[in-house]
Amino acid sequence: MLAQNKIAVVTGGSRGIGKDIVLNLAKNGLDIVFTYNNQEEAAAAVVKQIEKLGQKGIALKLDVSDSSGFDDFTKTLISALQSQLNTDGFDFLINNAGFIHYAAFENLSEEQFTEMENVHFRGPFFLTQKLLPKMKPFGGIVNVSSGLTRFATPGFAAYAALKGAMETLTKYQAQELGKRNIRVNVIAPGAIETDIMGGAVRDNEQMNRYLASQTALGRVGLPEDIGGVVAFLCSDAAGWINAQRIEISGGSNL
C-alpha cells in the first residue's frame, strides 16, 4: 500500500503569495486544499497547475473575515478530504489570506479596523481553532505576518499591530500544541509585488524604487521569494523549527 501524501490547507491561495505557497508545497509532493474568496477562475487555474505538478488540488470558497461560516467550511473541507483524498485529516495549515486598508493612524475608521481585524487576527484565530481537531500530529501551522512588525512605516499602524498579535499568538500556539507534535511558526514578508493595495508596490514606480532603496539586496520582493520558505517549514527538514518568526524581506530597513 502506497503511503499517503501529506496535505496542506492554505487560505487565500488563488493569487499572489498564497498561489506561490500552494505551488511550492505541490512541488514538494504535498496535496493541497486552498481557499479563495472571489477569484473562482483564478482558483481553477491554480488547481490545474497543481495537477500538472503531479499532485491533487482542491479549491474551496471561504470568506476568512466571516467566522460565522467556519462551521460550514469545516464540514465542506472534511467532505472534500474524504471524497477526493481518501482521508478525514490534514497535516499543515497556512493562514495566508489578507488585505490592507492603507491609512494614517488618525484617519483609519473603526469599520476599516474591524475589517482588517476579522481577516488578520479573529479569522485565523478561530479558523485554526475549528480545524485543529482534523490536524494530524507531526504537522504544523504557518502564520503570515509582515516585516512591518519590526519597522514602522506610516499608514500601516492597524495592519502591523494585528500582525504583531499573530506573532504573539504563534508562540502560544507552539507552546500549547507542542504536546500534539504540531509545530507553529510565522513568516514576515517585506514589501512584495502583488495585487494588495491595488498593486501599489508592483505598479507604482516611485514606491517600488523607494522600497528597493531601503532593502539590502536592492529590490522589492516577489511572490516567488516566499513560497519556498513556507514549503521548507512544511517539510521534515524543518522538524526542529518551532515558535520562530522568519522574516523574508531581502534585508529591509536594516
Protein backbone atom coordinates (compact mmCIF):
# COMPACT_ATOMS: atom_id res chain seq x y z
CA MET A 1 0.00 0.00 0.00
CA LEU A 2 1.40 3.37 -1.02
CA ALA A 3 2.00 5.93 1.71
CA GLN A 4 -0.46 8.80 1.55
CA ASN A 5 0.82 12.22 0.55
CA LYS A 6 0.81 14.86 3.22
CA ILE A 7 -1.88 17.50 2.82
CA ALA A 8 -1.72 21.26 3.31
CA VAL A 9 -4.63 23.67 3.72
CA VAL A 10 -3.83 27.22 2.56
CA THR A 11 -6.12 30.22 2.92
CA GLY A 12 -6.07 32.75 0.09
CA GLY A 13 -4.29 30.54 -2.43
CA SER A 14 -5.61 31.77 -5.77
CA ARG A 15 -3.04 34.53 -6.42
CA GLY A 16 0.00 36.38 -5.11
CA ILE A 17 1.93 34.96 -2.18
CA GLY A 18 -0.73 32.35 -1.50
CA LYS A 19 -0.52 30.96 -5.01
CA ASP A 20 3.26 30.68 -4.78
CA ILE A 21 2.95 28.92 -1.42
CA VAL A 22 0.48 26.45 -2.93
CA LEU A 23 2.68 25.66 -5.93
CA ASN A 24 5.85 25.24 -3.86
CA LEU A 25 4.06 22.88 -1.49
CA ALA A 26 2.89 20.88 -4.50
CA LYS A 27 6.44 20.78 -5.85
CA ASN A 28 7.44 19.25 -2.51
CA GLY A 29 4.93 16.44 -3.02
CA LEU A 30 2.00 17.67 -0.93
CA ASP A 31 -1.62 17.55 -1.97
CA ILE A 32 -3.31 20.92 -1.49
CA VAL A 33 -6.64 22.29 -0.38
CA PHE A 34 -6.71 26.05 -0.76
CA THR A 35 -9.35 28.71 -0.35
CA TYR A 36 -10.41 31.64 -2.45
CA ASN A 37 -12.94 34.38 -1.83
CA ASN A 38 -13.93 35.93 -5.18
CA GLN A 39 -11.31 34.65 -7.63
CA GLU A 40 -13.03 31.45 -8.78
CA GLU A 41 -11.49 31.38 -12.27
CA ALA A 42 -8.01 32.06 -10.90
CA ALA A 43 -8.51 29.30 -8.33
CA ALA A 44 -9.49 26.82 -11.05
CA ALA A 45 -6.31 27.71 -12.95
CA VAL A 46 -4.21 27.09 -9.84
CA VAL A 47 -5.82 23.65 -9.41
CA LYS A 48 -4.69 22.79 -12.94
CA GLN A 49 -1.15 23.93 -12.13
CA ILE A 50 -1.13 21.72 -9.05
CA GLU A 51 -2.27 18.77 -11.13
CA LYS A 52 0.47 19.43 -13.71
CA LEU A 53 2.94 19.09 -10.85
CA GLY A 54 1.55 15.62 -10.19
CA GLN A 55 -0.40 16.47 -7.05
CA LYS A 56 -4.07 16.74 -6.16
CA GLY A 57 -5.57 20.19 -5.71
CA ILE A 58 -8.92 21.28 -4.29
CA ALA A 59 -10.20 24.87 -4.27
CA LEU A 60 -12.90 25.81 -1.73
CA LYS A 61 -14.66 29.13 -1.32
CA LEU A 62 -14.16 30.84 2.06
CA ASP A 63 -14.54 34.36 3.40
CA VAL A 64 -11.97 34.41 6.21
CA SER A 65 -13.49 37.63 7.53
CA ASP A 66 -16.79 35.90 8.40
CA SER A 67 -16.28 33.46 11.27
CA SER A 68 -19.98 32.52 11.17
CA GLY A 69 -19.17 30.47 8.06
CA PHE A 70 -16.35 28.45 9.62
CA ASP A 71 -18.54 25.54 10.78
CA ASP A 72 -19.94 25.04 7.28
CA PHE A 73 -16.48 25.40 5.76
CA THR A 74 -15.10 22.76 8.13
CA LYS A 75 -17.84 20.33 7.05
CA THR A 76 -17.13 21.10 3.38
CA LEU A 77 -13.41 20.58 3.93
CA ILE A 78 -13.91 17.24 5.67
CA SER A 79 -16.21 16.08 2.89
CA ALA A 80 -13.66 17.08 0.24
CA LEU A 81 -10.85 15.34 2.11
CA GLN A 82 -12.88 12.15 2.38
CA SER A 83 -14.21 12.08 -1.17
CA GLN A 84 -11.16 13.30 -3.07
CA LEU A 85 -8.16 12.45 -0.90
CA ASN A 86 -9.46 9.42 0.99
CA THR A 87 -8.78 10.85 4.45
CA ASP A 88 -10.50 12.99 7.04
CA GLY A 89 -7.45 14.86 8.27
CA PHE A 90 -4.62 17.08 7.05
CA ASP A 91 -1.07 17.91 8.06
CA PHE A 92 -0.36 21.62 7.58
CA LEU A 93 -2.35 24.84 7.83
CA ILE A 94 -1.09 28.09 6.31
CA ASN A 95 -3.02 31.19 7.41
CA ASN A 96 -2.22 33.45 4.48
CA ALA A 97 -5.38 35.30 3.35
CA GLY A 98 -5.22 39.06 3.80
CA PHE A 99 -5.62 42.61 2.53
CA ILE A 100 -4.66 46.11 3.69
CA HIS A 101 -6.52 49.33 4.36
CA TYR A 102 -3.74 51.92 3.94
CA ALA A 103 -4.42 54.97 6.12
CA ALA A 104 -2.69 57.20 8.64
CA PHE A 105 -3.40 56.26 12.26
CA GLU A 106 -5.61 59.29 12.88
CA ASN A 107 -7.69 58.64 9.75
CA LEU A 108 -8.39 54.89 9.95
CA SER A 109 -12.08 54.27 10.67
CA GLU A 110 -13.41 51.77 13.17
CA GLU A 111 -15.08 49.93 10.30
CA GLN A 112 -11.77 49.61 8.44
CA PHE A 113 -10.07 48.42 11.62
CA THR A 114 -12.73 45.77 12.19
CA GLU A 115 -12.50 44.55 8.59
CA MET A 116 -8.74 44.04 8.96
CA GLU A 117 -9.08 42.54 12.42
CA ASN A 118 -11.52 39.95 11.09
CA VAL A 119 -9.13 38.85 8.34
CA HIS A 120 -5.76 39.16 10.06
CA PHE A 121 -6.48 38.07 13.64
CA ARG A 122 -10.01 36.98 14.51
CA GLY A 123 -10.34 34.89 11.35
CA PRO A 124 -7.06 32.95 11.65
CA PHE A 125 -7.59 32.53 15.41
CA PHE A 126 -10.99 30.89 15.16
CA LEU A 127 -10.47 29.11 11.84
CA THR A 128 -7.40 27.39 13.28
CA GLN A 129 -9.44 26.51 16.37
CA LYS A 130 -12.18 24.95 14.21
CA LEU A 131 -9.75 22.97 12.04
CA LEU A 132 -7.43 21.82 14.82
CA PRO A 133 -9.30 18.56 15.56
CA LYS A 134 -8.60 17.46 11.98
CA MET A 135 -4.88 18.23 12.08
CA LYS A 136 -2.65 15.20 12.24
CA PRO A 137 0.29 15.02 14.68
CA PHE A 138 3.77 15.85 13.38
CA GLY A 139 2.32 18.52 11.10
CA GLY A 140 2.41 22.26 11.51
CA ILE A 141 0.89 25.69 11.21
CA VAL A 142 2.47 28.62 9.38
CA ASN A 143 1.01 32.03 10.13
CA VAL A 144 1.75 35.02 7.92
CA SER A 145 2.85 38.31 9.48
CA SER A 146 4.75 41.24 7.98
CA GLY A 147 8.11 42.98 8.15
CA LEU A 148 6.07 45.96 9.35
CA THR A 149 6.02 44.50 12.87
CA ARG A 150 9.78 45.17 13.10
CA PHE A 151 9.97 48.61 11.47
CA ALA A 152 7.37 51.37 11.38
CA THR A 153 6.06 52.76 8.09
CA PRO A 154 3.30 55.39 8.30
CA GLY A 155 -0.07 54.20 7.05
CA PHE A 156 0.12 50.66 8.39
CA ALA A 157 -0.48 51.09 12.14
CA ALA A 158 -3.53 48.83 12.46
CA TYR A 159 -2.30 46.24 9.95
CA ALA A 160 1.07 45.93 11.67
CA ALA A 161 -0.48 45.81 15.14
CA LEU A 162 -2.76 42.96 14.10
CA LYS A 163 0.17 41.11 12.55
CA GLY A 164 2.04 41.64 15.82
CA ALA A 165 -0.86 39.93 17.56
CA MET A 166 -0.45 36.97 15.20
CA GLU A 167 3.24 36.76 16.08
CA THR A 168 2.39 36.58 19.78
CA LEU A 169 -0.35 34.03 19.09
CA THR A 170 2.19 31.91 17.19
CA LYS A 171 4.30 31.50 20.33
CA TYR A 172 1.29 30.50 22.41
CA GLN A 173 0.10 28.04 19.77
CA ALA A 174 3.57 26.49 19.59
CA GLN A 175 3.65 26.09 23.36
CA GLU A 176 0.15 24.66 23.70
CA LEU A 177 0.11 22.46 20.59
CA GLY A 178 3.57 21.02 21.17
CA LYS A 179 2.02 18.17 23.14
CA ARG A 180 0.35 17.11 19.88
CA ASN A 181 3.64 17.44 17.98
CA ILE A 182 2.25 20.31 15.94
CA ARG A 183 4.86 22.98 15.17
CA VAL A 184 3.82 26.62 14.72
CA ASN A 185 5.93 29.27 13.02
CA VAL A 186 5.28 32.67 11.47
CA ILE A 187 6.80 34.24 8.36
CA ALA A 188 7.13 38.00 7.91
CA PRO A 189 7.43 39.07 4.25
CA GLY A 190 8.73 42.51 3.37
CA ALA A 191 7.24 44.58 0.55
CA ILE A 192 6.10 42.18 -2.18
CA GLU A 193 4.86 42.82 -5.72
CA THR A 194 1.27 41.55 -5.51
CA ASP A 195 -2.28 42.81 -6.06
CA ILE A 196 -2.51 44.04 -2.46
CA MET A 197 -3.39 47.74 -2.10
CA GLY A 198 -4.32 47.75 -5.79
CA GLY A 199 -0.87 46.52 -6.77
CA ALA A 200 0.83 49.64 -5.37
CA VAL A 201 4.19 48.03 -4.63
CA ARG A 202 4.26 46.43 -8.07
CA ASP A 203 2.79 49.21 -10.20
CA ASN A 204 3.80 52.48 -8.51
CA GLU A 205 7.30 53.03 -9.87
CA GLN A 206 8.19 55.66 -7.29
CA MET A 207 7.10 53.45 -4.37
CA ASN A 208 8.84 50.43 -5.85
CA ARG A 209 12.09 52.35 -6.29
CA TYR A 210 11.95 53.77 -2.74
CA LEU A 211 11.27 50.39 -1.13
CA ALA A 212 14.08 48.82 -3.17
CA SER A 213 16.44 51.53 -1.90
CA GLN A 214 15.62 50.52 1.69
CA THR A 215 16.46 46.87 1.05
CA ALA A 216 19.96 45.44 1.31
CA LEU A 217 19.51 43.30 -1.81
CA GLY A 218 18.36 46.32 -3.81
CA ARG A 219 14.88 45.28 -4.93
CA VAL A 220 11.42 44.62 -3.59
CA GLY A 221 10.23 41.07 -3.11
CA LEU A 222 8.27 38.83 -5.47
CA PRO A 223 5.72 36.15 -4.54
CA GLU A 224 8.32 33.64 -5.74
CA ASP A 225 10.57 34.71 -2.86
CA ILE A 226 8.09 33.46 -0.26
CA GLY A 227 6.57 30.12 -1.20
CA GLY A 228 9.76 28.08 -0.97
CA VAL A 229 10.31 29.17 2.63
CA VAL A 230 6.82 28.02 3.61
CA ALA A 231 7.34 24.72 1.78
CA PHE A 232 10.55 24.23 3.76
CA LEU A 233 8.71 24.88 7.05
CA CYS A 234 6.21 22.21 5.99
CA SER A 235 8.90 19.60 5.46
CA ASP A 236 10.71 17.06 7.62
CA ALA A 237 13.89 19.15 7.25
CA ALA A 238 12.24 21.82 9.43
CA GLY A 239 11.08 19.37 12.07
CA TRP A 240 13.00 21.12 14.87
CA ILE A 241 11.96 24.66 13.94
CA ASN A 242 9.19 25.84 16.22
CA ALA A 243 7.83 29.15 17.57
CA GLN A 244 10.03 31.15 15.21
CA ARG A 245 9.47 34.39 13.30
CA ILE A 246 11.24 34.20 9.94
CA GLU A 247 11.47 37.49 8.09
CA ILE A 248 11.64 37.24 4.30
CA SER A 249 12.43 40.80 3.24
CA GLY A 250 15.80 40.78 1.49
CA GLY A 251 17.20 42.76 4.43
CA SER A 252 14.70 45.62 4.58
CA ASN A 253 15.26 48.65 6.84
CA LEU A 254 18.40 47.29 8.49
